[in-house]
Amino acid sequence: MVDGPRGAQHEGVTTATPPAARTVRVLVVDDHPALRAGLKGLLRNEPDIECVGALDGTAGLLASVRDLRPDVVVLDYALGADDGLTACFRVKQQSHRPAVVLYSAYVEDVFTVPAAIAQADATVSKSAPIDDLLSAIHAAAAGTVPRPALDPERIQAASARLLAEDLPIATMLLAGTAIADIADTLDATAADVRHRALRIIGRLQGSRTADGPEADVAAGYAGGGQTPSEGTGRRRRGLSMAAS
């Protein structure tokens, strides 16, 4: 018998025990009580996932991120009066920056540009198999979610909704540039860049309508991407945003 590291021991051979899989800490944010409870129950039954909490909205979200230190936040996009994209961006600015998986009933191509600007790590449709959500959680926690391919036409439509002075920031956010690096490039403060990024996210969503925020995002991209109030505004330069 040969003594060695922990693991199965046989005469002349020691087999190391594989390291245990890392447990992923997940915080759920969804305003639908049944779905929120269902997600909590599902995640708590997963051996390598720990559901550290569940919220019904953005109130207390940043404090929960700070105190519970989740690896991943599963964040509903449509949170009643709250705004999931803005919440996503704010979460990604914290000193502890968890991955964010946007969980929405409406995940279409039109959703990719504002989600990328909000720095979401992944988006999953609520109509998708639950295994898709679990896979996204693990990939987001590991940092292995590939950057989505952005449709140039969607980027063009998004740019038409933005102020000309915000286009450089939108360009760099789409490229995955860090806020501090954007601030250095533009000789601005990080606080100013964050403020303008939130303005960009707001303009991409437009006014919040009774049909819901997803419908409003889609409406904003139809027919050229301008709202009536923007049609007579400042002429914008040609699109400078490019998919990376």
Protein backbone atom coordinates (compact mmCIF):
# COMPACT_ATOMS: atom_id res chain seq x y z
CA MET A 1 0.00 0.00 0.00
CA VAL A 2 1.36 3.39 -0.96
CA ASP A 3 0.28 6.32 1.14
CA GLY A 4 -0.45 9.53 -0.72
CA PRO A 5 -2.96 12.35 -1.10
CA ARG A 6 -6.59 11.87 -0.24
CA GLY A 7 -8.33 9.61 -2.67
CA ALA A 8 -8.73 5.97 -3.57
CA GLN A 9 -5.65 3.96 -2.61
CA HIS A 10 -4.58 0.68 -4.22
CA GLU A 11 -1.36 -1.21 -3.99
CA GLY A 12 1.21 0.84 -5.83
CA VAL A 13 -1.36 3.38 -7.09
CA THR A 14 -2.98 6.45 -5.59
CA THR A 15 -5.93 8.04 -7.36
CA ALA A 16 -6.57 11.64 -6.34
CA THR A 17 -10.14 12.58 -5.55
CA PRO A 18 -11.45 15.15 -8.05
CA PRO A 19 -12.09 18.54 -6.46
CA ALA A 20 -15.68 19.19 -5.51
CA ALA A 21 -17.67 21.33 -7.92
CA ARG A 22 -17.85 24.97 -6.83
CA THR A 23 -21.24 25.99 -5.48
CA VAL A 24 -22.74 28.93 -7.36
CA ARG A 25 -24.50 31.47 -5.16
CA VAL A 26 -27.61 32.86 -6.87
CA LEU A 27 -29.90 35.77 -6.01
CA VAL A 28 -33.33 35.76 -7.71
CA VAL A 29 -35.20 38.98 -8.52
CA ASP A 30 -38.71 38.54 -9.95
CA ASP A 31 -41.98 40.30 -9.14
CA HIS A 32 -44.20 37.28 -9.90
CA PRO A 33 -44.74 35.39 -6.60
CA ALA A 34 -45.34 31.97 -8.16
CA LEU A 35 -42.36 32.20 -10.50
CA ARG A 36 -40.13 33.54 -7.75
CA ALA A 37 -41.09 30.67 -5.44
CA GLY A 38 -40.68 28.16 -8.26
CA LEU A 39 -37.19 29.41 -9.06
CA LYS A 40 -36.17 29.30 -5.41
CA GLY A 41 -37.37 25.71 -5.11
CA LEU A 42 -35.71 24.67 -8.35
CA LEU A 43 -32.35 26.22 -7.53
CA ARG A 44 -32.32 24.84 -4.00
CA ASN A 45 -32.71 21.34 -5.43
CA GLU A 46 -29.60 21.77 -7.57
CA PRO A 47 -26.58 20.25 -5.80
CA ASP A 48 -24.11 22.86 -7.10
CA ILE A 49 -26.31 25.95 -6.71
CA GLU A 50 -27.22 27.81 -3.55
CA CYS A 51 -30.14 30.23 -3.72
CA VAL A 52 -29.03 32.89 -1.25
CA GLY A 53 -32.16 35.02 -1.51
CA ALA A 54 -35.13 36.17 -3.57
CA LEU A 55 -36.49 39.69 -4.04
CA ASP A 56 -39.74 40.92 -5.58
CA GLY A 57 -38.19 44.07 -7.03
CA THR A 58 -35.18 46.34 -7.06
CA ALA A 59 -35.75 47.75 -3.55
CA GLY A 60 -32.89 46.41 -1.48
CA LEU A 61 -31.18 44.83 -4.49
CA LEU A 62 -27.84 46.60 -4.16
CA ALA A 63 -27.75 46.00 -0.41
CA SER A 64 -28.48 42.31 -1.01
CA VAL A 65 -25.66 42.12 -3.56
CA ARG A 66 -23.32 43.69 -1.03
CA ASP A 67 -24.40 41.56 1.93
CA LEU A 68 -25.17 38.20 0.30
CA ARG A 69 -22.37 38.36 -2.30
CA PRO A 70 -24.06 36.23 -4.97
CA ASP A 71 -22.06 34.92 -7.91
CA VAL A 72 -25.06 35.37 -10.22
CA VAL A 73 -28.20 37.52 -10.11
CA VAL A 74 -31.13 36.10 -12.06
CA LEU A 75 -32.96 39.32 -12.85
CA ASP A 76 -36.41 39.69 -14.37
CA TYR A 77 -36.45 42.35 -17.06
CA ALA A 78 -40.08 43.38 -16.51
CA LEU A 79 -40.40 44.27 -12.84
CA GLY A 80 -43.65 46.20 -12.82
CA ALA A 81 -42.72 49.84 -12.26
CA ASP A 82 -39.05 48.92 -11.90
CA ASP A 83 -36.58 48.71 -14.75
CA GLY A 84 -34.55 45.53 -15.07
CA LEU A 85 -31.97 46.97 -17.49
CA THR A 86 -31.18 49.92 -15.24
CA ALA A 87 -31.02 47.56 -12.26
CA CYS A 88 -28.65 45.31 -14.21
CA PHE A 89 -26.29 48.21 -14.97
CA ARG A 90 -26.35 49.40 -11.35
CA VAL A 91 -25.54 45.89 -10.09
CA LYS A 92 -22.57 45.72 -12.46
CA GLN A 93 -21.14 48.95 -10.96
CA GLN A 94 -20.84 47.55 -7.44
CA SER A 95 -17.52 46.70 -5.81
CA HIS A 96 -18.75 43.10 -5.71
CA ARG A 97 -19.87 42.58 -9.30
CA PRO A 98 -21.88 39.39 -9.77
CA ALA A 99 -22.80 38.09 -13.18
CA VAL A 100 -26.32 39.03 -14.27
CA VAL A 101 -28.64 36.73 -16.20
CA LEU A 102 -31.62 38.68 -17.54
CA TYR A 103 -34.68 36.43 -17.41
CA SER A 104 -37.47 37.70 -19.65
CA ALA A 105 -40.64 36.53 -21.33
CA TYR A 106 -39.48 38.44 -24.41
CA VAL A 107 -35.94 37.65 -25.54
CA GLU A 108 -35.56 38.61 -29.18
CA ASP A 109 -32.87 40.19 -31.35
CA VAL A 110 -34.13 43.65 -30.42
CA PHE A 111 -33.22 42.91 -26.80
CA THR A 112 -29.53 42.25 -27.45
CA VAL A 113 -28.31 45.85 -27.88
CA PRO A 114 -29.81 47.36 -24.70
CA ALA A 115 -28.88 44.22 -22.74
CA ALA A 116 -25.26 44.50 -23.91
CA ILE A 117 -25.12 48.19 -22.98
CA ALA A 118 -26.56 47.34 -19.54
CA GLN A 119 -23.64 44.86 -19.22
CA ALA A 120 -25.84 41.78 -18.84
CA ASP A 121 -23.82 38.57 -18.99
CA ALA A 122 -26.60 36.46 -20.51
CA THR A 123 -30.28 36.60 -21.43
CA VAL A 124 -32.68 33.68 -21.15
CA SER A 125 -36.31 33.48 -22.23
CA LYS A 126 -38.82 32.39 -19.63
CA SER A 127 -40.31 30.11 -22.27
CA ALA A 128 -37.00 28.26 -22.72
CA PRO A 129 -36.35 24.88 -21.06
CA ILE A 130 -35.19 25.29 -17.47
CA ASP A 131 -31.91 23.61 -18.42
CA ASP A 132 -31.15 26.70 -20.52
CA LEU A 133 -31.41 28.86 -17.40
CA LEU A 134 -29.24 26.49 -15.37
CA SER A 135 -26.62 26.38 -18.13
CA ALA A 136 -26.63 30.18 -18.34
CA ILE A 137 -26.18 30.47 -14.58
CA HIS A 138 -23.16 28.16 -14.60
CA ALA A 139 -21.63 29.79 -17.68
CA ALA A 140 -22.16 33.30 -16.28
CA ALA A 141 -20.59 32.31 -12.96
CA ALA A 142 -17.60 30.85 -14.79
CA GLY A 143 -17.31 33.82 -17.14
CA THR A 144 -17.63 31.62 -20.20
CA VAL A 145 -20.72 33.14 -21.84
CA PRO A 146 -19.71 34.18 -25.38
CA ARG A 147 -20.41 37.77 -26.37
CA PRO A 148 -23.54 37.83 -28.54
CA ALA A 149 -23.29 38.73 -32.19
CA LEU A 150 -25.04 42.06 -32.59
CA ASP A 151 -27.04 42.78 -35.71
CA PRO A 152 -25.71 45.97 -37.39
CA GLU A 153 -29.26 46.99 -38.28
CA ARG A 154 -30.28 46.74 -34.61
CA ILE A 155 -27.26 48.83 -33.64
CA GLN A 156 -28.18 51.40 -36.29
CA ALA A 157 -31.75 51.58 -34.99
CA ALA A 158 -30.50 51.93 -31.42
CA SER A 159 -28.12 54.74 -32.35
CA ALA A 160 -30.99 56.75 -33.84
CA ARG A 161 -32.54 56.98 -30.38
CA LEU A 162 -29.41 58.35 -28.71
CA LEU A 163 -27.95 61.82 -28.31
CA ALA A 164 -24.96 62.37 -30.56
CA GLU A 165 -22.67 63.04 -27.60
CA ASP A 166 -23.60 59.67 -26.09
CA LEU A 167 -22.69 57.60 -29.15
CA PRO A 168 -18.99 57.17 -28.19
CA ILE A 169 -20.00 55.81 -24.78
CA ALA A 170 -22.55 53.47 -26.34
CA THR A 171 -19.91 52.27 -28.78
CA MET A 172 -17.46 51.42 -26.01
CA LEU A 173 -20.10 49.80 -23.81
CA LEU A 174 -21.09 47.55 -26.70
CA ALA A 175 -17.43 46.61 -27.10
CA GLY A 176 -17.27 45.61 -23.43
CA THR A 177 -14.98 48.49 -22.42
CA ALA A 178 -14.74 49.07 -18.66
CA ILE A 179 -16.27 52.25 -17.25
CA ALA A 180 -12.89 53.43 -15.96
CA ASP A 181 -11.33 52.98 -19.40
CA ILE A 182 -14.21 54.87 -21.04
CA ALA A 183 -13.70 57.70 -18.55
CA ASP A 184 -9.96 57.83 -19.33
CA THR A 185 -10.60 57.83 -23.08
CA LEU A 186 -13.12 60.68 -22.88
CA ASP A 187 -11.25 62.58 -20.12
CA ALA A 188 -14.39 62.34 -17.99
CA THR A 189 -15.16 61.05 -14.52
CA ALA A 190 -16.45 57.52 -13.99
CA ALA A 191 -19.54 59.02 -12.32
CA ASP A 192 -20.29 61.06 -15.46
CA VAL A 193 -19.88 58.00 -17.68
CA ARG A 194 -22.25 56.01 -15.46
CA HIS A 195 -24.80 58.82 -15.53
CA ARG A 196 -24.67 58.99 -19.31
CA ALA A 197 -24.83 55.20 -19.61
CA LEU A 198 -28.05 55.22 -17.57
CA ARG A 199 -29.38 57.93 -19.90
CA ILE A 200 -28.54 55.71 -22.88
CA ILE A 201 -30.37 52.76 -21.34
CA GLY A 202 -33.38 54.96 -20.62
CA ARG A 203 -33.54 56.29 -24.18
CA LEU A 204 -33.27 52.81 -25.64
CA GLN A 205 -36.32 51.80 -23.63
CA GLY A 206 -38.28 54.96 -24.35
CA SER A 207 -41.42 55.75 -22.39
CA ARG A 208 -42.85 52.94 -20.32
CA THR A 209 -46.22 51.98 -21.76
CA ALA A 210 -49.18 49.94 -20.59
CA ASP A 211 -48.11 47.23 -22.98
CA GLY A 212 -45.02 46.64 -20.89
CA PRO A 213 -41.34 47.56 -21.26
CA GLU A 214 -40.56 44.72 -23.66
CA ALA A 215 -43.24 45.92 -26.06
CA ASP A 216 -41.87 49.45 -25.79
CA VAL A 217 -38.33 48.38 -26.61
CA ALA A 218 -39.63 46.54 -29.67
CA ALA A 219 -41.75 49.50 -30.73
CA GLY A 220 -38.75 51.81 -30.50
CA TYR A 221 -36.84 49.75 -33.04
CA ALA A 222 -39.64 49.44 -35.56
CA GLY A 223 -39.65 51.79 -38.54
CA GLY A 224 -36.27 53.41 -38.01
CA GLY A 225 -36.06 53.67 -34.25
CA GLN A 226 -37.10 57.31 -33.67
CA THR A 227 -39.83 58.52 -31.37
CA PRO A 228 -41.99 61.44 -32.60
CA SER A 229 -40.23 63.83 -30.23
CA GLU A 230 -36.85 62.87 -31.64
CA GLY A 231 -37.74 63.30 -35.28
CA THR A 232 -37.16 67.06 -35.24
CA GLY A 233 -34.14 66.94 -32.97
CA ARG A 234 -30.48 67.34 -33.71
CA ARG A 235 -29.18 65.56 -36.80
CA ARG A 236 -26.93 62.68 -35.87
CA ARG A 237 -23.76 61.69 -37.53
CA GLY A 238 -23.56 58.37 -39.28
CA LEU A 239 -23.52 55.32 -37.07
CA SER A 240 -20.18 54.77 -35.38
CA MET A 241 -21.20 51.80 -33.25
CA ALA A 242 -19.95 48.46 -34.51
CA ALA A 243 -20.59 44.98 -33.28
CA SER A 244 -17.58 43.27 -31.79
